[in-house]
Amino acid sequence: MGKRKSRAKPPPKKRMDKLDTVFCCPFCNHGSSVECRMICQENFSTTVTALTEPIDIYSEWIDECERVNNLEDDGA
């Protein structure tokens, strides 16, 4: 005897929430003044891969800002 086919629906796909692309400026603390785009006219640039997200670029920029500020504090 053959088995009956199941009529169960497949599980729903998980919805991924979008990550932020607009941030508060670390220098002037003005809200929504920094926008991360893959192509940007600002003077901070980094290598972008297929897996890079705007939040990754922003995090690298903040790390670079902290590194430069620490060098200035140590040299003063």
N, C-alpha and C. Protein backbone atom coordinates (compact mmCIF):
# COMPACT_ATOMS: atom_id res chain seq x y z
N MET A 1 0.84 -1.18 0.00
CA MET A 1 0.00 0.00 0.00
C MET A 1 0.88 1.24 0.00
N GLY A 2 0.45 2.23 -0.75
CA GLY A 2 1.21 3.47 -0.84
C GLY A 2 0.84 4.45 0.26
N LYS A 3 1.77 5.33 0.57
CA LYS A 3 1.51 6.35 1.60
C LYS A 3 0.82 7.55 0.96
N ARG A 4 0.03 8.24 1.75
CA ARG A 4 -0.61 9.47 1.29
C ARG A 4 0.38 10.63 1.37
N LYS A 5 0.29 11.54 0.42
CA LYS A 5 1.17 12.70 0.44
C LYS A 5 0.72 13.69 1.51
N SER A 6 1.67 14.27 2.16
CA SER A 6 1.38 15.25 3.21
C SER A 6 0.95 16.57 2.57
N ARG A 7 -0.03 17.22 3.14
CA ARG A 7 -0.49 18.52 2.64
C ARG A 7 0.05 19.66 3.51
N ALA A 8 1.04 19.39 4.31
CA ALA A 8 1.61 20.42 5.18
C ALA A 8 2.31 21.48 4.34
N LYS A 9 2.13 22.73 4.72
CA LYS A 9 2.78 23.83 4.02
C LYS A 9 4.23 23.93 4.46
N PRO A 10 5.10 24.36 3.55
CA PRO A 10 6.49 24.55 3.97
C PRO A 10 6.58 25.70 4.95
N PRO A 11 7.59 25.70 5.84
CA PRO A 11 7.72 26.79 6.81
C PRO A 11 7.95 28.11 6.10
N PRO A 12 7.43 29.22 6.65
CA PRO A 12 7.61 30.52 6.01
C PRO A 12 9.08 30.94 6.05
N LYS A 13 9.49 31.71 5.04
CA LYS A 13 10.86 32.20 4.99
C LYS A 13 11.04 33.28 6.04
N LYS A 14 12.22 33.26 6.68
CA LYS A 14 12.52 34.27 7.70
C LYS A 14 12.80 35.60 7.00
N ARG A 15 12.21 36.65 7.50
CA ARG A 15 12.41 37.97 6.94
C ARG A 15 13.60 38.64 7.62
N MET A 16 14.54 39.08 6.83
CA MET A 16 15.72 39.76 7.38
C MET A 16 15.41 41.25 7.47
N ASP A 17 15.56 41.81 8.66
CA ASP A 17 15.37 43.25 8.83
C ASP A 17 16.54 43.98 8.19
N LYS A 18 16.26 45.14 7.59
CA LYS A 18 17.29 45.93 6.95
C LYS A 18 18.14 46.62 8.02
N LEU A 19 19.44 46.69 7.77
CA LEU A 19 20.35 47.37 8.68
C LEU A 19 20.31 48.87 8.41
N ASP A 20 20.66 49.64 9.43
CA ASP A 20 20.67 51.10 9.29
C ASP A 20 21.73 51.54 8.30
N THR A 21 21.44 52.60 7.55
CA THR A 21 22.41 53.20 6.64
C THR A 21 22.64 54.66 6.97
N VAL A 22 21.89 55.22 7.91
CA VAL A 22 22.04 56.62 8.33
C VAL A 22 22.39 56.63 9.81
N PHE A 23 23.43 57.41 10.17
CA PHE A 23 23.93 57.39 11.54
C PHE A 23 24.16 58.80 12.06
N CYS A 24 24.41 58.89 13.34
CA CYS A 24 24.77 60.14 14.00
C CYS A 24 26.26 60.41 13.77
N CYS A 25 26.62 61.64 13.46
CA CYS A 25 28.02 62.00 13.20
C CYS A 25 28.83 61.87 14.50
N PRO A 26 30.00 61.20 14.44
CA PRO A 26 30.80 61.04 15.65
C PRO A 26 31.50 62.33 16.08
N PHE A 27 31.56 63.33 15.19
CA PHE A 27 32.26 64.57 15.51
C PHE A 27 31.33 65.65 16.03
N CYS A 28 30.22 65.90 15.30
CA CYS A 28 29.33 66.99 15.73
C CYS A 28 28.09 66.47 16.46
N ASN A 29 27.90 65.15 16.49
CA ASN A 29 26.78 64.50 17.20
C ASN A 29 25.42 64.90 16.63
N HIS A 30 25.38 65.33 15.38
CA HIS A 30 24.13 65.67 14.71
C HIS A 30 23.49 64.39 14.20
N GLY A 31 22.24 64.17 14.56
CA GLY A 31 21.54 62.96 14.16
C GLY A 31 21.29 62.90 12.66
N SER A 32 21.36 61.75 12.11
CA SER A 32 21.08 61.48 10.70
C SER A 32 21.94 62.30 9.74
N SER A 33 23.14 62.65 10.15
CA SER A 33 23.99 63.45 9.28
C SER A 33 25.00 62.61 8.51
N VAL A 34 25.15 61.35 8.87
CA VAL A 34 26.08 60.47 8.18
C VAL A 34 25.29 59.38 7.49
N GLU A 35 25.48 59.29 6.19
CA GLU A 35 24.79 58.27 5.41
C GLU A 35 25.85 57.40 4.75
N CYS A 36 25.75 56.10 4.93
CA CYS A 36 26.71 55.18 4.35
C CYS A 36 26.16 54.64 3.04
N ARG A 37 26.95 54.82 2.01
CA ARG A 37 26.63 54.27 0.71
C ARG A 37 27.87 53.55 0.20
N MET A 38 27.67 52.63 -0.69
CA MET A 38 28.81 51.89 -1.22
C MET A 38 29.71 52.79 -2.07
N ILE A 39 29.14 53.79 -2.70
CA ILE A 39 29.93 54.78 -3.43
C ILE A 39 29.70 56.11 -2.73
N CYS A 40 30.75 56.71 -2.25
CA CYS A 40 30.63 57.88 -1.39
C CYS A 40 31.65 58.94 -1.82
N GLN A 41 31.35 60.20 -1.56
CA GLN A 41 32.27 61.27 -1.91
C GLN A 41 33.06 61.78 -0.69
N GLU A 42 32.96 61.12 0.42
CA GLU A 42 33.73 61.50 1.60
C GLU A 42 35.17 61.02 1.44
N ASN A 43 36.04 61.50 2.31
CA ASN A 43 37.44 61.16 2.17
C ASN A 43 37.85 59.90 2.91
N PHE A 44 36.94 59.17 3.50
CA PHE A 44 37.27 57.86 4.06
C PHE A 44 36.85 56.81 3.04
N SER A 45 37.75 55.94 2.71
CA SER A 45 37.41 54.87 1.78
C SER A 45 37.99 53.57 2.30
N THR A 46 37.38 52.49 1.89
CA THR A 46 37.79 51.18 2.33
C THR A 46 37.50 50.19 1.21
N THR A 47 38.08 49.03 1.29
CA THR A 47 37.84 47.99 0.30
C THR A 47 36.48 47.36 0.55
N VAL A 48 35.70 47.24 -0.51
CA VAL A 48 34.37 46.68 -0.41
C VAL A 48 34.34 45.34 -1.13
N THR A 49 33.75 44.36 -0.48
CA THR A 49 33.56 43.05 -1.10
C THR A 49 32.07 42.82 -1.30
N ALA A 50 31.74 41.70 -1.86
CA ALA A 50 30.33 41.36 -2.08
C ALA A 50 29.58 41.19 -0.76
N LEU A 51 30.30 40.92 0.31
CA LEU A 51 29.66 40.69 1.61
C LEU A 51 29.61 41.95 2.48
N THR A 52 30.19 43.05 2.03
CA THR A 52 30.26 44.28 2.82
C THR A 52 28.89 44.95 2.90
N GLU A 53 28.52 45.36 4.10
CA GLU A 53 27.27 46.08 4.36
C GLU A 53 27.63 47.50 4.77
N PRO A 54 26.72 48.45 4.64
CA PRO A 54 27.00 49.83 5.05
C PRO A 54 27.44 49.95 6.51
N ILE A 55 26.88 49.13 7.39
CA ILE A 55 27.27 49.19 8.81
C ILE A 55 28.74 48.81 8.99
N ASP A 56 29.25 47.91 8.13
CA ASP A 56 30.67 47.53 8.20
C ASP A 56 31.56 48.71 7.86
N ILE A 57 31.18 49.47 6.85
CA ILE A 57 31.95 50.64 6.45
C ILE A 57 31.93 51.69 7.56
N TYR A 58 30.76 51.91 8.14
CA TYR A 58 30.65 52.87 9.23
C TYR A 58 31.51 52.44 10.42
N SER A 59 31.50 51.17 10.75
CA SER A 59 32.31 50.67 11.88
C SER A 59 33.79 50.84 11.62
N GLU A 60 34.22 50.58 10.39
CA GLU A 60 35.63 50.78 10.06
C GLU A 60 36.01 52.26 10.15
N TRP A 61 35.10 53.13 9.74
CA TRP A 61 35.35 54.57 9.81
C TRP A 61 35.49 55.02 11.27
N ILE A 62 34.62 54.54 12.13
CA ILE A 62 34.68 54.88 13.55
C ILE A 62 35.99 54.37 14.16
N ASP A 63 36.39 53.15 13.82
CA ASP A 63 37.65 52.59 14.31
C ASP A 63 38.83 53.45 13.85
N GLU A 64 38.81 53.90 12.60
CA GLU A 64 39.87 54.75 12.09
C GLU A 64 39.89 56.10 12.80
N CYS A 65 38.71 56.66 13.07
CA CYS A 65 38.62 57.93 13.81
C CYS A 65 39.23 57.78 15.21
N GLU A 66 38.91 56.69 15.89
CA GLU A 66 39.46 56.46 17.22
C GLU A 66 40.97 56.27 17.17
N ARG A 67 41.46 55.57 16.15
CA ARG A 67 42.90 55.35 16.02
C ARG A 67 43.63 56.68 15.80
N VAL A 68 43.10 57.54 14.93
CA VAL A 68 43.70 58.84 14.67
C VAL A 68 43.65 59.71 15.91
N ASN A 69 42.52 59.70 16.62
CA ASN A 69 42.41 60.50 17.84
C ASN A 69 43.38 60.04 18.92
N ASN A 70 43.59 58.73 19.04
CA ASN A 70 44.54 58.20 20.02
C ASN A 70 45.97 58.59 19.66
N LEU A 71 46.30 58.61 18.36
CA LEU A 71 47.63 59.03 17.93
C LEU A 71 47.85 60.50 18.25
N GLU A 72 46.82 61.33 18.04
CA GLU A 72 46.94 62.76 18.34
C GLU A 72 47.08 62.99 19.84
N ASP A 73 46.36 62.24 20.65
CA ASP A 73 46.46 62.38 22.11
C ASP A 73 47.84 61.97 22.62
N ASP A 74 48.39 60.91 22.05
CA ASP A 74 49.71 60.43 22.48
C ASP A 74 50.81 61.39 22.04
N GLY A 75 50.64 62.05 20.90
CA GLY A 75 51.67 62.96 20.39
C GLY A 75 51.61 64.33 21.02
N ALA A 76 50.52 64.70 21.67
CA ALA A 76 50.38 66.05 22.24
C ALA A 76 50.99 66.20 23.58
